[in-house]
Amino acid sequence: MKAVASYRGLPVEDPECLRDVEVPVPQLRPRDVLVRVAAVSVNPADVKLRASLTPSDQPRVLGFDAAGTVEAVGPEVTTLAAGDEVWYAGDVTRAGSNAELQAVDERVVARKPESLSFAEAAALPLTTITAWETLFERFGLDASSRGTLLVLGGAGGVGSVLVQLAKELTGLRVLVSASRPESRQWATAMGADALVDHHDLVATTLREVPDGLDYLFSPHSRGNIEAYARIVRPFGHITGIDEPEGLDLLPLKSRSIAWHWEFMFTRTMYGTPDMIRQKELLEDVAALVDDKRIRTTMTTTIDDFGAAGLREAHRLVESGHVTGKVVVARRAA
């Protein structure tokens, strides 16, 4: 089958960083479904993985987010069948979605929203899982929750979904950091109650919440911990998704601020007993999408499901100026 793969970490400008290749059709494990991939989206995680690959003589097929149609199922699959239209974010330990066909464990695959195209659906899974786990598992929020949440990078992929979920499923007031005019417009459209400027984070945040935040979502933590200690109230909560080397959390101690890590691949990486929670939450969000309560975050579509199209998607994401999500779709999708 055709796929797009990398052999070693290279700059996105190098045409060898992503190459068109032929690889064997994946063999199914007992609980796998084989998906014919119609569309994928590119996340910062894709960019980071591509750039950091160690040299190998074997092609590494990348890609996490995907939407497509189930073509075959393993002998122990009980929740999906051939012909089902699905969406998922995959598994960092297995071959990725940048291919004609992908084998994925049924426990992390759900039927996609009926109201979305494959391209529109592919924009959402990884960011949706990250946002959902942040709000309802790391922070432990529910419909009765009150307080103030600050979403840093609120015009990005995760932030765009996190704001929508927080406004639909909790009682929180949601602040978003955005500085460019297009980012501010996007964050407001997602449902932000107020905007702050990450270039002047402490002053603009405390102007909105003088007593401090209850919750903070941090995709870029390096150099920000002291500022967080000033804007999060005592006994507040922060969830981080990045991994800055040598991160010092000591400034948070005197306020007893809790720091949580969110990594949406933990369940698949360790085969946790509750792995099916990812299928379940994607099913819940699909219903919210079809009820018009959550919208796709796709803003850019590239109709070239090959190395050139994916290189362009990686270039856009790597630029750091993308609002919403970049999707790469097959022309028939």
Protein backbone atom coordinates (compact mmCIF):
# COMPACT_ATOMS: atom_id res chain seq x y z
CA MET A 1 0.00 0.00 0.00
CA LYS A 2 1.03 3.64 -0.41
CA ALA A 3 2.18 5.59 2.63
CA VAL A 4 4.18 8.66 3.62
CA ALA A 5 7.16 7.92 5.86
CA SER A 6 10.37 9.27 7.35
CA TYR A 7 13.74 7.59 7.66
CA ARG A 8 15.40 10.16 9.94
CA GLY A 9 14.75 13.52 11.51
CA LEU A 10 15.20 16.31 8.99
CA PRO A 11 14.11 19.97 8.66
CA VAL A 12 10.72 20.42 7.05
CA GLU A 13 12.35 22.23 4.11
CA ASP A 14 14.22 19.04 3.17
CA PRO A 15 12.15 17.03 0.63
CA GLU A 16 13.51 13.84 2.21
CA CYS A 17 11.86 14.61 5.59
CA LEU A 18 8.65 12.95 4.38
CA ARG A 19 8.71 10.54 1.43
CA ASP A 20 6.19 8.59 -0.61
CA VAL A 21 6.81 4.89 -0.01
CA GLU A 22 5.26 1.46 -0.47
CA VAL A 23 4.82 -0.62 2.71
CA PRO A 24 3.01 -3.89 3.52
CA VAL A 25 -0.65 -3.77 4.54
CA PRO A 26 -0.62 -4.00 8.36
CA GLN A 27 -1.46 -7.30 10.03
CA LEU A 28 -4.40 -7.09 12.45
CA ARG A 29 -4.15 -7.92 16.12
CA PRO A 30 -7.23 -9.64 17.62
CA ARG A 31 -8.87 -6.35 18.70
CA ASP A 32 -7.76 -4.25 15.71
CA VAL A 33 -9.80 -2.66 12.98
CA LEU A 34 -8.27 -1.95 9.57
CA VAL A 35 -9.20 1.58 8.49
CA ARG A 36 -9.00 2.99 4.98
CA VAL A 37 -7.80 6.50 5.82
CA ALA A 38 -9.63 9.35 4.09
CA ALA A 39 -8.16 12.35 5.95
CA VAL A 40 -5.62 13.20 8.64
CA SER A 41 -4.68 16.32 10.54
CA VAL A 42 -1.24 17.45 11.60
CA ASN A 43 -0.48 18.33 15.22
CA PRO A 44 2.61 19.77 16.94
CA ALA A 45 3.19 16.18 18.13
CA ASP A 46 3.56 15.04 14.50
CA VAL A 47 6.04 17.82 13.78
CA LYS A 48 8.09 17.10 16.88
CA LEU A 49 8.24 13.36 16.18
CA ARG A 50 9.24 13.86 12.54
CA ALA A 51 12.05 16.25 13.44
CA SER A 52 13.48 14.02 16.20
CA LEU A 53 13.53 10.59 14.52
CA THR A 54 16.77 8.63 14.80
CA PRO A 55 18.15 7.35 11.47
CA SER A 56 16.78 4.00 10.32
CA ASP A 57 16.78 1.94 7.14
CA GLN A 58 13.11 1.16 7.79
CA PRO A 59 10.41 3.71 6.94
CA ARG A 60 8.51 5.19 9.89
CA VAL A 61 4.91 6.00 8.97
CA LEU A 62 3.80 8.98 11.06
CA GLY A 63 0.39 10.48 11.77
CA PHE A 64 -2.08 10.39 14.66
CA ASP A 65 -5.44 12.03 13.86
CA ALA A 66 -7.47 10.25 11.20
CA ALA A 67 -10.93 9.66 9.84
CA GLY A 68 -11.87 6.91 7.44
CA THR A 69 -13.86 3.73 6.86
CA VAL A 70 -13.41 0.35 8.54
CA GLU A 71 -12.37 -2.19 5.91
CA ALA A 72 -11.81 -5.30 8.07
CA VAL A 73 -11.87 -6.31 11.74
CA GLY A 74 -9.87 -8.65 13.95
CA PRO A 75 -11.42 -11.83 15.39
CA GLU A 76 -12.12 -10.31 18.83
CA VAL A 77 -13.62 -6.99 17.68
CA THR A 78 -17.14 -6.46 19.02
CA THR A 79 -17.85 -2.72 18.72
CA LEU A 80 -17.25 -1.93 15.04
CA ALA A 81 -17.86 -3.53 11.65
CA ALA A 82 -16.70 -3.15 8.07
CA GLY A 83 -18.27 -0.07 6.51
CA ASP A 84 -18.35 2.01 9.72
CA GLU A 85 -17.11 5.58 9.28
CA VAL A 86 -14.74 6.29 12.18
CA TRP A 87 -12.36 8.80 13.76
CA TYR A 88 -9.46 8.33 16.18
CA ALA A 89 -6.05 9.60 17.30
CA GLY A 90 -4.14 6.34 17.12
CA ASP A 91 -1.25 5.01 19.16
CA VAL A 92 2.25 6.49 19.37
CA THR A 93 3.78 3.00 19.63
CA ARG A 94 2.40 1.80 16.25
CA ALA A 95 2.54 2.78 12.57
CA GLY A 96 0.62 5.98 11.96
CA SER A 97 -2.23 7.28 9.86
CA ASN A 98 -0.29 8.74 6.92
CA ALA A 99 -1.09 5.68 4.81
CA GLU A 100 -3.84 4.12 2.74
CA LEU A 101 -4.65 1.63 5.51
CA GLN A 102 -4.02 1.66 9.25
CA ALA A 103 -4.50 -0.96 11.97
CA VAL A 104 -5.90 0.52 15.19
CA ASP A 105 -7.21 -1.01 18.41
CA GLU A 106 -11.02 -0.79 18.45
CA ARG A 107 -10.92 0.57 22.00
CA VAL A 108 -9.58 3.94 20.77
CA VAL A 109 -11.74 4.15 17.61
CA ALA A 110 -15.28 5.56 17.50
CA ARG A 111 -17.87 6.25 14.84
CA LYS A 112 -17.29 9.77 13.54
CA PRO A 113 -19.93 12.50 13.77
CA GLU A 114 -22.47 11.96 11.00
CA SER A 115 -22.69 15.69 10.35
CA LEU A 116 -18.98 16.09 9.54
CA SER A 117 -17.03 15.19 6.43
CA PHE A 118 -13.97 12.99 6.86
CA ALA A 119 -11.76 16.09 6.63
CA GLU A 120 -13.77 18.02 9.22
CA ALA A 121 -13.74 15.02 11.56
CA ALA A 122 -10.00 14.38 11.19
CA ALA A 123 -9.26 17.78 12.74
CA LEU A 124 -10.59 16.81 16.14
CA PRO A 125 -9.63 13.48 17.81
CA LEU A 126 -6.19 14.11 19.35
CA THR A 127 -7.04 17.59 20.55
CA THR A 128 -10.45 16.47 21.77
CA ILE A 129 -9.01 13.62 23.82
CA THR A 130 -6.37 15.94 25.30
CA ALA A 131 -8.96 18.59 26.17
CA TRP A 132 -11.47 16.10 27.58
CA GLU A 133 -8.91 14.34 29.76
CA THR A 134 -7.62 17.70 30.98
CA LEU A 135 -11.04 18.97 32.05
CA PHE A 136 -12.74 15.86 33.34
CA GLU A 137 -9.90 13.59 34.44
CA ARG A 138 -7.00 15.85 35.44
CA PHE A 139 -9.12 18.73 36.82
CA GLY A 140 -12.06 16.50 37.81
CA LEU A 141 -14.68 18.96 36.55
CA ASP A 142 -18.37 18.33 35.83
CA ALA A 143 -21.54 20.25 35.03
CA SER A 144 -21.71 21.69 38.54
CA SER A 145 -18.15 23.07 38.48
CA ARG A 146 -17.69 26.81 38.87
CA GLY A 147 -14.67 29.10 38.87
CA THR A 148 -12.33 30.52 36.25
CA LEU A 149 -10.19 28.65 33.71
CA LEU A 150 -7.40 30.19 31.65
CA VAL A 151 -6.57 28.42 28.40
CA LEU A 152 -3.17 29.47 27.11
CA GLY A 153 -2.81 29.14 23.36
CA GLY A 154 -6.56 29.14 23.07
CA ALA A 155 -6.60 29.57 19.28
CA GLY A 156 -4.59 26.39 18.76
CA GLY A 157 -5.89 22.87 18.26
CA VAL A 158 -6.27 21.75 21.87
CA GLY A 159 -7.29 25.17 23.14
CA SER A 160 -10.03 25.50 20.53
CA VAL A 161 -11.68 22.28 21.70
CA LEU A 162 -11.00 22.86 25.38
CA VAL A 163 -12.80 26.20 25.34
CA GLN A 164 -15.84 24.69 23.63
CA LEU A 165 -16.05 21.71 26.01
CA ALA A 166 -15.60 23.90 29.08
CA LYS A 167 -18.39 26.24 27.98
CA GLU A 168 -20.77 23.42 27.03
CA LEU A 169 -20.18 20.96 29.87
CA THR A 170 -19.11 23.01 32.91
CA GLY A 171 -20.09 26.26 34.60
CA LEU A 172 -16.63 27.79 34.34
CA ARG A 173 -15.81 31.26 33.12
CA VAL A 174 -13.18 30.76 30.41
CA LEU A 175 -10.31 33.14 29.68
CA VAL A 176 -8.10 32.62 26.62
CA SER A 177 -4.67 33.97 25.77
CA ALA A 178 -4.47 35.39 22.25
CA SER A 179 -2.52 38.30 20.85
CA ARG A 180 -2.86 38.33 17.04
CA PRO A 181 -6.15 39.76 15.70
CA GLU A 182 -7.05 36.50 13.93
CA SER A 183 -6.31 34.49 17.09
CA ARG A 184 -8.47 36.78 19.21
CA GLN A 185 -11.33 36.56 16.72
CA TRP A 186 -11.06 32.75 16.61
CA ALA A 187 -10.93 32.38 20.41
CA THR A 188 -14.01 34.54 20.79
CA ALA A 189 -15.83 32.45 18.18
CA MET A 190 -14.95 29.31 20.17
CA GLY A 191 -16.72 30.78 23.20
CA ALA A 192 -14.08 32.60 25.25
CA ASP A 193 -15.57 34.89 27.89
CA ALA A 194 -12.53 37.17 27.96
CA LEU A 195 -9.10 37.46 26.37
CA VAL A 196 -5.68 38.00 27.94
CA ASP A 197 -2.28 38.69 26.36
CA HIS A 198 0.47 36.13 26.97
CA HIS A 199 3.03 38.90 26.36
CA ASP A 200 1.72 40.59 29.54
CA LEU A 201 0.20 37.54 31.21
CA VAL A 202 0.20 38.55 34.86
CA ALA A 203 -1.26 42.03 34.47
CA THR A 204 -3.91 41.15 31.88
CA THR A 205 -5.01 38.03 33.77
CA LEU A 206 -5.26 39.69 37.18
CA ARG A 207 -7.21 42.51 35.59
CA GLU A 208 -9.88 39.91 34.76
CA VAL A 209 -9.59 37.80 37.93
CA PRO A 210 -8.05 39.82 40.77
CA ASP A 211 -8.33 36.88 43.19
CA GLY A 212 -6.58 34.48 40.84
CA LEU A 213 -7.50 31.57 38.57
CA ASP A 214 -8.93 28.26 39.69
CA TYR A 215 -7.60 26.32 36.69
CA LEU A 216 -4.94 26.90 34.06
CA PHE A 217 -4.10 24.91 30.91
CA SER A 218 -0.45 25.20 29.88
CA PRO A 219 0.85 24.09 26.47
CA HIS A 220 4.02 26.22 26.80
CA SER A 221 5.37 26.07 30.34
CA ARG A 222 9.04 27.01 29.97
CA GLY A 223 9.74 30.33 31.68
CA ASN A 224 6.14 30.72 32.87
CA ILE A 225 6.05 28.98 36.27
CA GLU A 226 6.70 32.11 38.31
CA ALA A 227 3.94 33.91 36.42
CA TYR A 228 1.62 30.97 37.05
CA ALA A 229 2.37 31.19 40.76
CA ARG A 230 1.15 34.78 40.71
CA ILE A 231 -2.06 34.27 38.75
CA VAL A 232 -3.36 30.94 40.12
CA ARG A 233 -5.09 31.14 43.50
CA PRO A 234 -3.99 29.01 46.46
CA PHE A 235 -5.05 25.36 46.00
CA GLY A 236 -5.65 25.96 42.30
CA HIS A 237 -4.79 23.50 39.52
CA ILE A 238 -2.58 23.57 36.43
CA THR A 239 -2.36 20.95 33.66
CA GLY A 240 0.67 20.93 31.39
CA ILE A 241 1.03 19.08 28.10
CA ASP A 242 4.57 20.05 27.10
CA GLU A 243 7.84 18.64 28.40
CA PRO A 244 10.38 21.41 28.99
CA GLU A 245 13.64 20.01 30.28
CA GLY A 246 14.46 20.86 33.89
CA LEU A 247 11.07 22.41 34.67
CA ASP A 248 11.14 23.89 38.19
CA LEU A 249 7.72 23.82 39.89
CA LEU A 250 8.92 25.05 43.29
CA PRO A 251 7.34 28.54 42.89
CA LEU A 252 3.94 26.81 43.08
CA LYS A 253 4.56 25.21 46.48
CA SER A 254 3.67 28.04 48.87
CA ARG A 255 0.22 28.30 47.29
CA SER A 256 -0.21 24.50 47.26
CA ILE A 257 -0.99 24.70 43.53
CA ALA A 258 -1.44 21.23 42.03
CA TRP A 259 0.42 20.40 38.81
CA HIS A 260 -1.06 17.71 36.53
CA TRP A 261 0.44 16.14 33.41
CA GLU A 262 -1.75 15.26 30.45
CA PHE A 263 -0.47 12.87 27.76
CA MET A 264 -3.26 11.40 25.67
CA PHE A 265 -1.16 8.40 24.60
CA THR A 266 -0.73 7.08 28.16
CA ARG A 267 -3.61 4.62 27.85
CA THR A 268 -2.39 3.06 24.60
CA MET A 269 1.28 3.20 25.55
CA TYR A 270 0.70 1.22 28.74
CA GLY A 271 -2.36 -0.78 27.72
CA THR A 272 -4.30 0.44 30.72
CA PRO A 273 -7.47 -1.48 31.69
CA ASP A 274 -9.61 1.60 30.94
CA MET A 275 -8.28 2.14 27.41
CA ILE A 276 -11.83 2.07 26.06
CA ARG A 277 -12.45 5.44 27.73
CA GLN A 278 -10.97 7.05 24.62
CA LYS A 279 -13.61 5.41 22.42
CA GLU A 280 -16.33 6.44 24.87
CA LEU A 281 -15.32 10.08 25.06
CA LEU A 282 -15.04 10.30 21.27
CA GLU A 283 -18.57 8.87 21.07
CA ASP A 284 -19.76 11.51 23.55
CA VAL A 285 -18.13 14.31 21.56
CA ALA A 286 -19.51 12.95 18.27
CA ALA A 287 -23.00 13.36 19.77
CA LEU A 288 -22.16 16.92 20.84
CA VAL A 289 -20.95 17.70 17.33
CA ASP A 290 -24.09 16.28 15.73
CA ASP A 291 -26.16 18.32 18.20
CA LYS A 292 -24.31 21.46 16.98
CA ARG A 293 -22.82 22.07 20.42
CA ILE A 294 -19.19 21.49 19.35
CA ARG A 295 -17.80 22.57 15.97
CA THR A 296 -14.88 21.31 13.92
CA THR A 297 -11.63 23.25 14.29
CA MET A 298 -10.48 22.65 10.71
CA THR A 299 -9.32 25.91 9.14
CA THR A 300 -6.97 24.75 6.36
CA THR A 301 -7.41 21.80 3.99
CA ILE A 302 -4.72 20.40 1.71
CA ASP A 303 -6.09 18.06 -0.96
CA ASP A 304 -2.84 16.15 -1.52
CA PHE A 305 -2.55 12.98 0.54
CA GLY A 306 1.09 12.43 -0.31
CA ALA A 307 4.53 13.52 0.83
CA ALA A 308 4.27 16.99 -0.73
CA GLY A 309 0.91 17.72 0.89
CA LEU A 310 2.00 16.47 4.28
CA ARG A 311 5.26 18.43 4.11
CA GLU A 312 3.22 21.58 3.49
CA ALA A 313 0.96 20.75 6.46
CA HIS A 314 4.01 20.17 8.68
CA ARG A 315 5.50 23.47 7.48
CA LEU A 316 2.34 25.38 8.39
CA VAL A 317 2.08 23.80 11.85
CA GLU A 318 5.79 24.28 12.50
CA SER A 319 5.46 27.99 11.73
CA GLY A 320 3.52 28.43 14.98
CA HIS A 321 0.99 30.77 13.38
CA VAL A 322 -1.82 28.33 12.65
CA THR A 323 -5.28 29.08 13.99
CA GLY A 324 -7.33 25.91 14.42
CA LYS A 325 -6.18 22.78 12.55
CA VAL A 326 -4.54 21.86 9.25
CA VAL A 327 -6.07 18.82 7.53
CA VAL A 328 -4.72 16.72 4.66
CA ALA A 329 -7.44 14.87 2.74
CA ARG A 330 -7.68 12.53 -0.21
CA ARG A 331 -9.38 14.30 -3.08
CA ALA A 332 -12.34 11.94 -2.90
CA ALA A 333 -12.90 12.58 0.84
